[in-house]
Every structure is written in C-alpha cells, then in structure tokens.
Amino acid sequence: MKLDKIIARSRIIDLRSTDMKGALTELLAVSAAKFPDLKPDSLLRGLLQRESTMTTYLGSGVALPHVRVKMGRRYILAIGRSREGIHNENTVGEEKIHLIFMLLADEKARDYLQLLASIARLLKDEDLVLAVRQAATTDDVFDRLVAGFGGILAKPVQAQQNRINRLMIHEADRVAKGAGCGAIMVFGDAFVGGIEPGAWFPKSKTILVTRNLVEPDDEADGNFAGVIQVRSYSPRRLAQLRSAMFVALTRGMISFNDRVCCVGGIAGSNQFDTVVIVDVEREFQTLLTGHADLMPDDVKPEVLERVIAIATELAVEGREGKPVGCLFVVGDAPKVEKLIKPLVLNPFYGYKEEDRNILSPFMDETVKEFSSIDGAFIIRGDGVVSSAGSLIQAADSDHVLPSGLGSRHAAAAAISVATECISIVVSSSTGQVTLFRRGVMLPLTEKKIGAAG
C-alpha cells in the first residue's frame, strides 16, 4: 500500500491539548466527523490501554498510537501537531511529543504490522519530522507528508552517468543476456543518494539492493522486480550479496535455477566497478543438502527478513560499541519448545501476540535490550516472540563446526537439525551473522575487519 493514500487533509490538525488523552480525543473527533460509525469512547480506551502496556513513542518528538477494531474500512490515519508539546511519561527526561500519528486499523487488515513498520521507519527520518514540525499551516503539513510518504523527499538521486558508468552498464547488460541471467541485481549503495534501477536497465528484470528504506511504487514498471533492504557495514564491493540473494530467494524474486548478474562498486564511490555472475543453485547447494526447500513451511519471508535485520543491527551497533552475541530460532515452534528450558523468567509472557510480534516497529528496542540475556529468542513463523533467555537442549553429533565457533553456534546448528527451523547467530567476538538450516551454516555477513576468530 502506498502510504500517501491514507493521508487526508481533513484529518491533520493543530492540537490544543497538552496531554495524550486530550490529544487522542481531538484526533478521534476529526475521524468520527468523517466516519460516524466510529465509537470514539471505545477507541480512546483501547488506545490508552495500549499506551499503558507498551509505549508507542518513536523518539524525536513523534508518537504512533494505534489500535485494531472492527470497522468498515481498512485504515484511518489522523495526525496531530503540537507546537507547545505534549507531556508523556514514556518520553526521556523533559522531552515532549510534538507529532502524533494515530492509526486505526480494521481487525481483519492482514498487512497491519507491515504498514505500521513502514510508517515508523519513515517517521525516523529527522529531516521529514523537522519539515512537518516547522510547516506554517496544516495544509503545508499535508503537502510535506504526502511528499515524504510518497517517496519524493527520499527519492533516490539519479547517479552520474559518466563514461565508465555507461560502459559498465552496457557491458553488464550484454553479459547478463549472454549468460542467460534471469535478473540483474544492482547494489545501489555504491552511489550517494542511491539510484533508480529502472533507468539503468529498462529492459531487464532489475532488483535494487540498498541499506536505505525505499518504498516501491505500486504502479512501477514490471521490469522493476523490487527492493531488498539489507544493511552492510563493509566498504567492500557487493558485501551484501549473500544476504540479498537469500532474501530474494525467500521472496520468490529469483529461483534456484537462475543466474543473476550483480553490478556494484565501493560504497559511496559513485562508480560501478564490478560485474559478477552468480549461479544461485551453486551458491546455496550446501545449504539445501539435497532438499528443495530453503524456507520452513511455517515461516513468513518478512519475518525472517526482520530477524536478519535486527541481528545485523546488533552486529553493527551492538551495545556500548561492541557486538552483542545472541541467538534467534525461527519457525517450527511446537517442536522447538520441547527442546528448550527457561534460564530466566520469560519477559514476553502475558503480552498480546500483536504486541510481541517481531514485525512491530516497537519490538526492535525491546529485542535489543533483551539480547544481553543468555539464551535464545524463540520466534514463531508468523513473527510472534514466544520467549527469550531459553536454553537449547538439542544434540547434534553429525556436524563438525569450524574452529573458533562456540556453544552458541553449536546450539544453533543442533536445533536446526532437530527441528524444521532456521537459527541465526550473532558472534560476540567477530560480529559475524550466521544462518543455520539443517545443521549447515551460511555466513550472511563477513567478520568485522580486525576482529579475532
């Protein structure tokens, strides 16, 4: 869904209230004016109850309260701006809330958490938030939000097509056709501001790989297969390749029988300098080990992508400048739960499934904070986090791991053999992110330069 489609000029207001309850009451009033079947009192109770359970504050003066109810439309978004600021106990110190994005969703809306996450990621753009806060009128707020949510403010800059780039593009296109490639994968982080892949290879199925959030146009040309958001901390060429290939496979963008032409360069160099042909089946044949299914049947691709993203962030950012070692077990939860025992009281026990789903943008910091607990995160295939701090009690005597890998990697390998799950490990010593499937390991990121082991 295009985010700018759910923004309405009539539901953007300057708030008079200085507390969250009053602000939500104002936003519900303008929503009910358009949709009289809404029940503001019931909605207000639901919104406030969620606030008391888990904060919806995103930081930078922005809050994203939300609730699911039975209603006649998929989504209603109301936006309030407070110049004076709203006091809230969930903010840090004397920080106040200046922007409230209230999202009402029908209880049957299937892409609810994905939409919530998309809005949250866009609202972490400090330039967009500042532009909205400084807008002269609510009409200006509307225009700036439509521009930001529609991708105009963050639209990739067309990279400079100098002589070498034009040559690389021409040759990559020719090589891709000669090798029978099913797609061209463009690594956009080589260019400051990114690139638009359709403009470079208009006649080829093109996949853009970038660390930045890009909302693809619903009406995009069929040659534009999609965007894969994969973070990399390495300046090396095509450092995101293996993770991007894995995500493309799980999404069905490419198949095991494909060859893919990869085009990229050093991050931020504004220059293509590398063309690589990847035979997908050969790249992943050890991981398949005679099977045709890379993904467990019960695991949604977007769930695995989110876990990989959080694991990479923990490897890159860590805590206090050091990578945090942790283990995620995704899928086949009924069998997995028979092979674990708690090391600590489960911090996720008692919360609604929606509130502890890994797809929720408000789970990122929660998972990162609990990552310091010994033991594994157990995550269902639909994204619901069952537990944290779980000890894996599975044995695997058939697989020998490379030297230097410890008990966390051994547990990840063992549980992936004993059950139909995928396990992902972040190494505390090297920051490397490694995926295990049926006991076979697949490094998704390289070791940090200068790291030991």
Protein backbone atom coordinates (compact mmCIF):
# COMPACT_ATOMS: atom_id res chain seq x y z
CA MET A 1 0.00 0.00 0.00
CA LYS A 2 1.24 3.49 -0.87
CA LEU A 3 1.39 5.36 2.44
CA ASP A 4 0.35 8.67 0.90
CA LYS A 5 -3.01 7.09 0.02
CA ILE A 6 -4.16 7.01 3.66
CA ILE A 7 -3.34 10.65 4.45
CA ALA A 8 -6.33 13.02 4.39
CA ARG A 9 -6.10 16.81 4.64
CA SER A 10 -9.21 16.93 6.86
CA ARG A 11 -7.58 14.66 9.49
CA ILE A 12 -4.49 16.81 10.07
CA ILE A 13 -4.94 19.26 12.94
CA ASP A 14 -3.02 21.52 15.29
CA LEU A 15 -3.65 20.17 18.76
CA ARG A 16 -4.85 22.28 21.66
CA SER A 17 -4.40 19.63 24.35
CA THR A 18 -1.18 19.26 26.33
CA ASP A 19 -1.74 15.64 27.43
CA MET A 20 -2.02 12.39 25.46
CA LYS A 21 -5.62 11.63 26.42
CA GLY A 22 -6.80 15.05 25.27
CA ALA A 23 -4.79 14.85 22.04
CA LEU A 24 -6.23 11.43 21.17
CA THR A 25 -9.72 12.72 21.91
CA GLU A 26 -9.21 15.54 19.39
CA LEU A 27 -7.90 13.15 16.74
CA LEU A 28 -10.80 10.74 17.28
CA ALA A 29 -13.25 13.62 16.94
CA VAL A 30 -11.98 14.60 13.47
CA SER A 31 -12.00 10.93 12.45
CA ALA A 32 -15.59 10.40 13.63
CA ALA A 33 -16.67 13.54 11.77
CA LYS A 34 -15.86 11.72 8.51
CA PHE A 35 -16.79 8.22 9.66
CA PRO A 36 -19.78 8.49 12.05
CA ASP A 37 -19.87 4.72 12.67
CA LEU A 38 -16.71 5.01 14.77
CA LYS A 39 -17.09 4.83 18.55
CA PRO A 40 -14.64 7.39 19.95
CA ASP A 41 -15.06 6.43 23.63
CA SER A 42 -14.31 2.76 22.97
CA LEU A 43 -11.40 3.63 20.69
CA LEU A 44 -9.94 6.00 23.27
CA ARG A 45 -9.98 3.28 25.91
CA GLY A 46 -8.22 0.90 23.54
CA LEU A 47 -5.56 3.45 22.61
CA LEU A 48 -4.86 4.41 26.21
CA GLN A 49 -4.73 0.78 27.31
CA ARG A 50 -2.09 0.08 24.68
CA GLU A 51 -0.09 3.13 25.83
CA SER A 52 -0.12 1.79 29.38
CA THR A 53 1.07 -1.65 28.20
CA MET A 54 3.75 -0.64 25.71
CA THR A 55 4.85 2.82 24.68
CA THR A 56 4.21 3.97 21.12
CA TYR A 57 6.78 6.76 21.36
CA LEU A 58 9.29 6.56 18.49
CA GLY A 59 11.66 9.29 19.63
CA SER A 60 12.40 12.73 18.12
CA GLY A 61 9.08 14.02 19.47
CA VAL A 62 6.94 11.55 17.49
CA ALA A 63 4.34 9.06 18.79
CA LEU A 64 2.45 6.43 16.80
CA PRO A 65 -0.57 5.29 18.87
CA HIS A 66 -2.55 2.53 17.18
CA VAL A 67 -5.38 0.10 17.78
CA ARG A 68 -7.25 -2.59 15.84
CA VAL A 69 -11.06 -2.60 15.84
CA LYS A 70 -13.90 -3.86 13.72
CA MET A 71 -14.75 -1.12 11.24
CA GLY A 72 -15.89 -0.66 7.67
CA ARG A 73 -12.53 0.37 6.19
CA ARG A 74 -9.00 -0.97 6.40
CA TYR A 75 -7.20 2.07 7.86
CA ILE A 76 -7.80 5.55 9.19
CA LEU A 77 -4.82 7.80 9.89
CA ALA A 78 -5.24 11.04 11.85
CA ILE A 79 -2.32 13.37 12.50
CA GLY A 80 -1.93 15.98 15.22
CA ARG A 81 0.78 18.57 15.67
CA SER A 82 1.53 20.32 18.94
CA ARG A 83 3.81 23.34 18.87
CA GLU A 84 3.86 23.60 22.65
CA GLY A 85 4.46 19.89 23.15
CA ILE A 86 2.61 17.12 24.94
CA HIS A 87 3.79 15.72 28.25
CA ASN A 88 4.10 11.95 28.34
CA GLU A 89 5.64 9.62 30.89
CA ASN A 90 7.18 7.46 28.15
CA THR A 91 9.47 10.18 26.79
CA VAL A 92 13.01 10.69 28.02
CA GLY A 93 13.62 13.43 30.59
CA GLU A 94 11.86 16.67 29.68
CA GLU A 95 11.33 15.66 26.05
CA LYS A 96 7.84 16.35 24.72
CA ILE A 97 5.73 14.89 21.93
CA HIS A 98 5.13 17.28 19.04
CA LEU A 99 3.66 14.95 16.42
CA ILE A 100 1.04 12.22 16.93
CA PHE A 101 0.17 9.82 14.11
CA MET A 102 -2.93 7.89 15.25
CA LEU A 103 -3.58 4.74 13.20
CA LEU A 104 -6.91 2.91 13.41
CA ALA A 105 -6.96 -0.46 11.63
CA ASP A 106 -9.67 -2.97 10.88
CA GLU A 107 -9.14 -6.19 12.80
CA LYS A 108 -9.03 -8.14 9.51
CA ALA A 109 -6.35 -5.98 7.85
CA ARG A 110 -3.62 -8.50 7.02
CA ASP A 111 -0.77 -6.10 6.37
CA TYR A 112 -1.32 -4.12 9.57
CA LEU A 113 2.09 -4.70 11.18
CA GLN A 114 3.90 -4.13 7.89
CA LEU A 115 2.08 -0.80 7.42
CA LEU A 116 2.84 0.20 11.00
CA ALA A 117 6.51 -0.63 10.48
CA SER A 118 6.67 1.35 7.21
CA ILE A 119 5.17 4.44 8.87
CA ALA A 120 7.54 4.10 11.82
CA ARG A 121 10.62 3.84 9.59
CA LEU A 122 9.63 6.94 7.62
CA LEU A 123 8.99 8.88 10.82
CA LYS A 124 12.57 8.19 11.92
CA ASP A 125 13.68 10.49 9.10
CA GLU A 126 14.69 13.55 11.11
CA ASP A 127 14.53 15.85 8.07
CA LEU A 128 10.92 14.84 7.37
CA VAL A 129 9.91 15.26 11.02
CA LEU A 130 11.55 18.70 11.21
CA ALA A 131 9.86 19.80 7.96
CA VAL A 132 6.45 18.79 9.31
CA ARG A 133 7.01 20.47 12.67
CA GLN A 134 8.10 23.72 11.02
CA ALA A 135 5.33 23.82 8.39
CA ALA A 136 3.36 27.08 8.54
CA THR A 137 -0.13 25.57 8.21
CA THR A 138 -1.82 22.17 8.33
CA ASP A 139 -2.13 22.38 4.53
CA ASP A 140 1.66 22.61 4.40
CA VAL A 141 1.87 19.66 6.79
CA PHE A 142 -0.30 17.66 4.38
CA ASP A 143 1.86 18.58 1.38
CA ARG A 144 5.10 17.66 3.15
CA LEU A 145 3.75 14.36 4.43
CA VAL A 146 2.39 13.37 1.03
CA ALA A 147 5.79 14.20 -0.42
CA GLY A 148 7.64 12.26 2.28
CA PHE A 149 5.31 9.25 2.39
CA GLY A 150 5.11 9.17 -1.38
CA GLY A 151 8.89 8.99 -1.58
CA ILE A 152 9.53 12.44 -3.07
CA LEU A 153 11.71 13.70 -0.23
CA ALA A 154 13.69 10.49 -0.11
CA LYS A 155 13.64 9.77 -3.83
CA PRO A 156 16.93 8.24 -4.97
CA VAL A 157 19.16 10.65 -6.80
CA GLN A 158 19.98 9.66 -10.34
CA ALA A 159 23.63 8.76 -10.24
CA GLN A 160 26.07 10.48 -12.54
CA GLN A 161 26.30 8.52 -15.79
CA ASN A 162 29.92 9.21 -16.61
CA ARG A 163 31.81 7.37 -19.32
CA ILE A 164 32.92 4.48 -17.10
CA ASN A 165 29.45 4.01 -15.61
CA ARG A 166 27.85 4.00 -19.05
CA LEU A 167 30.38 1.42 -20.17
CA MET A 168 29.76 -0.77 -17.09
CA ILE A 169 26.00 -0.60 -17.61
CA HIS A 170 26.28 -1.52 -21.27
CA GLU A 171 28.64 -4.41 -20.60
CA ALA A 172 26.64 -5.70 -17.62
CA ASP A 173 23.50 -5.76 -19.75
CA ARG A 174 25.37 -7.61 -22.51
CA VAL A 175 26.97 -10.10 -20.09
CA ALA A 176 23.60 -10.76 -18.38
CA LYS A 177 21.97 -11.59 -21.70
CA GLY A 178 24.90 -13.73 -22.85
CA ALA A 179 24.93 -15.71 -19.60
CA GLY A 180 21.16 -16.21 -19.64
CA CYS A 181 20.62 -14.34 -16.36
CA GLY A 182 17.07 -14.15 -15.05
CA ALA A 183 17.68 -10.85 -13.27
CA ILE A 184 20.15 -8.02 -12.73
CA MET A 185 20.86 -7.15 -9.09
CA VAL A 186 22.08 -3.56 -8.65
CA PHE A 187 23.89 -2.64 -5.43
CA GLY A 188 22.76 0.96 -5.02
CA ASP A 189 24.86 1.93 -2.02
CA ALA A 190 27.76 2.48 -4.39
CA PHE A 191 26.09 5.82 -5.13
CA VAL A 192 25.45 8.62 -2.66
CA GLY A 193 21.67 9.10 -2.64
CA GLY A 194 21.01 5.76 -4.35
CA ILE A 195 19.83 5.00 -7.86
CA GLU A 196 16.69 4.13 -9.76
CA PRO A 197 17.32 0.69 -11.30
CA GLY A 198 14.65 1.01 -13.99
CA ALA A 199 16.52 3.93 -15.50
CA TRP A 200 19.73 1.90 -15.81
CA PHE A 201 18.40 -1.43 -17.13
CA PRO A 202 14.94 -0.65 -18.53
CA LYS A 203 14.65 -3.92 -20.49
CA SER A 204 15.80 -6.27 -17.72
CA LYS A 205 14.22 -7.59 -14.55
CA THR A 206 16.05 -5.45 -12.00
CA ILE A 207 16.39 -5.85 -8.23
CA LEU A 208 17.76 -2.95 -6.18
CA VAL A 209 19.83 -3.82 -3.09
CA THR A 210 20.32 -0.99 -0.60
CA ARG A 211 20.72 -0.32 3.09
CA ASN A 212 18.15 2.51 2.82
CA LEU A 213 14.38 2.24 3.03
CA VAL A 214 12.77 2.62 -0.38
CA GLU A 215 9.01 2.32 -0.80
CA PRO A 216 8.48 0.84 -4.29
CA ASP A 217 5.76 2.39 -6.43
CA ASP A 218 2.63 0.22 -6.68
CA GLU A 219 2.40 1.20 -10.34
CA ALA A 220 6.07 0.58 -11.10
CA ASP A 221 7.10 -0.94 -14.38
CA GLY A 222 7.03 -4.73 -14.49
CA ASN A 223 10.79 -4.80 -15.09
CA PHE A 224 11.32 -3.40 -11.60
CA ALA A 225 11.12 -6.58 -9.52
CA GLY A 226 11.51 -4.89 -6.16
CA VAL A 227 13.80 -3.54 -3.47
CA ILE A 228 15.79 -5.57 -0.94
CA GLN A 229 16.83 -3.62 2.13
CA VAL A 230 20.00 -5.23 3.50
CA ARG A 231 22.43 -3.47 5.76
CA SER A 232 26.18 -3.80 5.33
CA TYR A 233 28.98 -2.32 7.43
CA SER A 234 31.72 -3.25 4.98
CA PRO A 235 33.06 -0.93 2.26
CA ARG A 236 33.87 -3.96 0.12
CA ARG A 237 32.21 -4.43 -3.25
CA LEU A 238 28.97 -6.45 -3.15
CA ALA A 239 29.31 -7.06 0.61
CA GLN A 240 25.53 -7.51 0.83
CA LEU A 241 25.42 -10.14 -1.93
CA ARG A 242 24.75 -13.33 0.03
CA SER A 243 22.11 -11.82 2.32
CA ALA A 244 20.43 -10.17 -0.67
CA MET A 245 20.40 -13.44 -2.62
CA PHE A 246 18.89 -15.26 0.35
CA VAL A 247 16.12 -12.67 0.75
CA ALA A 248 15.42 -12.69 -2.99
CA LEU A 249 15.02 -16.47 -2.85
CA THR A 250 12.64 -16.39 0.11
CA ARG A 251 10.51 -13.72 -1.60
CA GLY A 252 10.37 -15.63 -4.87
CA MET A 253 12.13 -12.87 -6.83
CA ILE A 254 14.62 -15.41 -8.14
CA SER A 255 14.67 -19.20 -8.28
CA PHE A 256 17.33 -21.82 -7.60
CA ASN A 257 17.76 -22.40 -11.32
CA ASP A 258 18.53 -18.74 -12.04
CA ARG A 259 21.74 -16.97 -12.80
CA VAL A 260 21.90 -13.41 -11.53
CA CYS A 261 24.11 -10.61 -12.83
CA CYS A 262 25.28 -8.43 -9.93
CA VAL A 263 26.51 -4.89 -10.56
CA GLY A 264 28.08 -2.70 -7.88
CA GLY A 265 31.03 -0.76 -6.57
CA ILE A 266 32.62 0.53 -3.38
CA ALA A 267 30.02 2.13 -1.11
CA GLY A 268 29.76 5.88 -1.69
CA SER A 269 32.20 5.88 -4.61
CA ASN A 270 29.57 6.92 -7.22
CA GLN A 271 31.15 4.39 -9.53
CA PHE A 272 30.24 0.94 -10.82
CA ASP A 273 33.39 -1.16 -10.98
CA THR A 274 32.29 -4.78 -10.55
CA VAL A 275 30.16 -7.23 -12.53
CA VAL A 276 29.64 -10.72 -11.10
CA ILE A 277 27.56 -13.64 -12.39
CA VAL A 278 26.11 -15.78 -9.59
CA ASP A 279 24.75 -19.28 -10.17
CA VAL A 280 22.12 -19.38 -7.42
CA GLU A 281 21.92 -23.15 -7.03
CA ARG A 282 25.70 -23.48 -6.77
CA GLU A 283 25.87 -20.65 -4.22
CA PHE A 284 23.32 -22.32 -1.93
CA GLN A 285 23.75 -26.03 -2.72
CA THR A 286 25.46 -26.83 0.59
CA LEU A 287 22.61 -25.19 2.48
CA LEU A 288 19.99 -27.22 0.62
CA THR A 289 21.77 -30.56 1.29
CA GLY A 290 19.57 -32.47 -1.12
CA HIS A 291 16.35 -30.60 -0.27
CA ALA A 292 14.42 -28.21 -2.48
CA ASP A 293 13.00 -26.10 0.34
CA LEU A 294 15.19 -23.38 1.76
CA MET A 295 12.47 -21.89 3.97
CA PRO A 296 10.47 -23.81 6.60
CA ASP A 297 6.81 -24.03 5.56
CA ASP A 298 5.53 -22.03 8.53
CA VAL A 299 7.99 -19.11 8.32
CA LYS A 300 6.87 -15.95 6.54
CA PRO A 301 9.63 -14.34 4.44
CA GLU A 302 9.07 -10.91 6.02
CA VAL A 303 9.60 -12.42 9.49
CA LEU A 304 12.95 -13.92 8.55
CA GLU A 305 13.99 -10.65 6.88
CA ARG A 306 13.16 -8.72 10.04
CA VAL A 307 15.14 -11.12 12.24
CA ILE A 308 18.14 -10.87 9.89
CA ALA A 309 17.86 -7.06 10.01
CA ILE A 310 17.80 -6.96 13.81
CA ALA A 311 20.68 -9.44 14.02
CA THR A 312 22.73 -7.30 11.63
CA GLU A 313 21.94 -4.16 13.63
CA LEU A 314 23.13 -5.92 16.79
CA ALA A 315 26.31 -6.93 14.99
CA VAL A 316 26.89 -3.42 13.65
CA GLU A 317 25.73 -1.25 16.54
CA GLY A 318 25.77 -3.70 19.45
CA ARG A 319 25.76 -2.20 22.89
CA GLU A 320 28.40 0.30 24.01
CA GLY A 321 30.25 -0.13 20.73
CA LYS A 322 30.66 -3.90 20.94
CA PRO A 323 28.68 -6.59 19.07
CA VAL A 324 26.14 -8.46 21.20
CA GLY A 325 26.22 -12.23 20.90
CA CYS A 326 22.73 -13.67 20.58
CA LEU A 327 20.73 -16.49 19.02
CA PHE A 328 17.37 -16.42 17.23
CA VAL A 329 15.38 -19.57 16.47
CA VAL A 330 12.64 -19.02 13.89
CA GLY A 331 9.86 -21.45 12.99
CA ASP A 332 8.58 -24.92 13.99
CA ALA A 333 7.81 -23.54 17.45
CA PRO A 334 5.86 -26.61 18.78
CA LYS A 335 8.89 -28.89 18.28
CA VAL A 336 11.41 -26.24 19.31
CA GLU A 337 9.63 -25.63 22.61
CA LYS A 338 10.03 -29.29 23.54
CA LEU A 339 13.81 -28.88 23.29
CA ILE A 340 14.29 -25.76 25.39
CA LYS A 341 14.10 -24.72 29.01
CA PRO A 342 14.00 -21.20 30.50
CA LEU A 343 17.13 -19.72 32.00
CA VAL A 344 15.20 -16.69 33.30
CA LEU A 345 11.56 -15.69 33.68
CA ASN A 346 10.16 -15.18 30.18
CA PRO A 347 9.97 -11.38 29.63
CA PHE A 348 7.39 -11.82 26.82
CA TYR A 349 4.93 -13.87 28.85
CA GLY A 350 1.43 -12.41 29.19
CA TYR A 351 1.60 -9.85 26.38
CA LYS A 352 -0.77 -9.90 23.43
CA GLU A 353 0.63 -11.65 20.37
CA GLU A 354 0.33 -8.45 18.35
CA ASP A 355 2.46 -6.58 20.88
CA ARG A 356 5.27 -9.16 20.80
CA ASN A 357 5.42 -9.71 17.07
CA ILE A 358 8.89 -9.14 15.61
CA LEU A 359 7.28 -7.21 12.72
CA SER A 360 6.08 -4.50 15.09
CA PRO A 361 8.39 -1.45 14.97
CA PHE A 362 8.11 -1.14 18.74
CA MET A 363 9.77 -4.53 19.24
CA ASP A 364 13.18 -3.50 17.88
CA GLU A 365 14.49 -1.86 21.03
CA THR A 366 12.83 -4.48 23.25
CA VAL A 367 14.62 -7.33 21.47
CA LYS A 368 17.91 -5.43 21.51
CA GLU A 369 17.64 -4.83 25.26
CA PHE A 370 16.85 -8.48 26.00
CA SER A 371 19.65 -9.66 23.70
CA SER A 372 22.08 -9.34 26.60
CA ILE A 373 20.27 -12.18 28.39
CA ASP A 374 21.94 -15.60 27.99
CA GLY A 375 19.91 -17.99 25.88
CA ALA A 376 17.90 -17.84 22.68
CA PHE A 377 14.93 -15.92 21.34
CA ILE A 378 12.24 -18.37 20.21
CA ILE A 379 10.14 -16.89 17.39
CA ARG A 380 7.15 -18.44 15.68
CA GLY A 381 6.95 -18.46 11.90
CA ASP A 382 4.34 -15.68 11.97
CA GLY A 383 6.72 -13.42 13.92
CA VAL A 384 5.37 -13.79 17.46
CA VAL A 385 8.20 -13.96 20.01
CA SER A 386 7.46 -16.88 22.34
CA SER A 387 10.33 -16.41 24.76
CA ALA A 388 13.78 -15.03 25.44
CA GLY A 389 16.57 -16.47 27.60
CA SER A 390 15.87 -20.06 26.51
CA LEU A 391 18.48 -22.81 26.83
CA ILE A 392 18.67 -25.09 23.77
CA GLN A 393 18.71 -28.79 24.74
CA ALA A 394 19.31 -30.44 21.38
CA ALA A 395 22.25 -32.66 20.49
CA ASP A 396 23.96 -32.90 17.10
CA SER A 397 26.91 -35.25 16.71
CA ASP A 398 26.86 -35.36 12.91
CA HIS A 399 28.07 -31.84 12.15
CA VAL A 400 31.53 -30.53 12.94
CA LEU A 401 31.72 -26.73 13.11
CA PRO A 402 34.80 -24.74 12.09
CA SER A 403 37.25 -23.98 14.87
CA GLY A 404 36.62 -20.81 16.78
CA LEU A 405 32.83 -21.23 16.99
CA GLY A 406 31.45 -21.69 20.48
CA SER A 407 28.42 -23.08 22.29
CA ARG A 408 26.01 -20.55 20.79
CA HIS A 409 26.82 -21.71 17.24
CA ALA A 410 26.71 -25.38 18.33
CA ALA A 411 23.24 -24.86 19.81
CA ALA A 412 22.07 -23.08 16.66
CA ALA A 413 23.29 -25.96 14.47
CA ALA A 414 21.77 -28.61 16.74
CA ILE A 415 18.30 -27.09 16.93
CA SER A 416 18.25 -26.60 13.16
CA VAL A 417 18.90 -30.35 12.75
CA ALA A 418 16.39 -31.49 15.37
CA THR A 419 13.54 -29.31 14.03
CA GLU A 420 12.38 -27.60 10.84
CA CYS A 421 13.58 -24.17 11.92
CA ILE A 422 16.12 -21.58 10.87
CA SER A 423 18.54 -20.31 13.50
CA ILE A 424 20.56 -17.11 13.27
CA VAL A 425 23.60 -16.33 15.41
CA VAL A 426 25.42 -13.06 16.07
CA SER A 427 29.00 -13.68 17.20
CA SER A 428 30.06 -11.62 20.20
CA SER A 429 33.74 -11.81 19.20
CA THR A 430 33.60 -11.13 15.45
CA GLY A 431 30.18 -9.57 14.85
CA GLN A 432 29.55 -12.08 12.08
CA VAL A 433 25.91 -13.05 11.42
CA THR A 434 25.49 -16.73 10.55
CA LEU A 435 22.37 -18.64 9.49
CA PHE A 436 21.86 -22.38 10.12
CA ARG A 437 19.46 -24.67 8.25
CA ARG A 438 19.56 -28.44 8.85
CA GLY A 439 22.92 -28.06 10.57
CA VAL A 440 24.55 -26.33 7.60
CA MET A 441 25.92 -22.84 8.23
CA LEU A 442 25.66 -19.88 5.89
CA PRO A 443 27.56 -16.70 6.87
CA LEU A 444 25.32 -13.75 5.98
CA THR A 445 27.91 -11.10 6.82
CA GLU A 446 31.66 -11.13 6.92
CA LYS A 447 33.70 -10.84 10.07
CA LYS A 448 34.45 -7.31 11.16
CA ILE A 449 37.79 -6.10 9.97
CA GLY A 450 40.31 -6.56 12.76
CA ALA A 451 38.07 -8.93 14.73
CA ALA A 452 39.55 -12.05 16.16
CA GLY A 453 38.34 -15.58 15.44
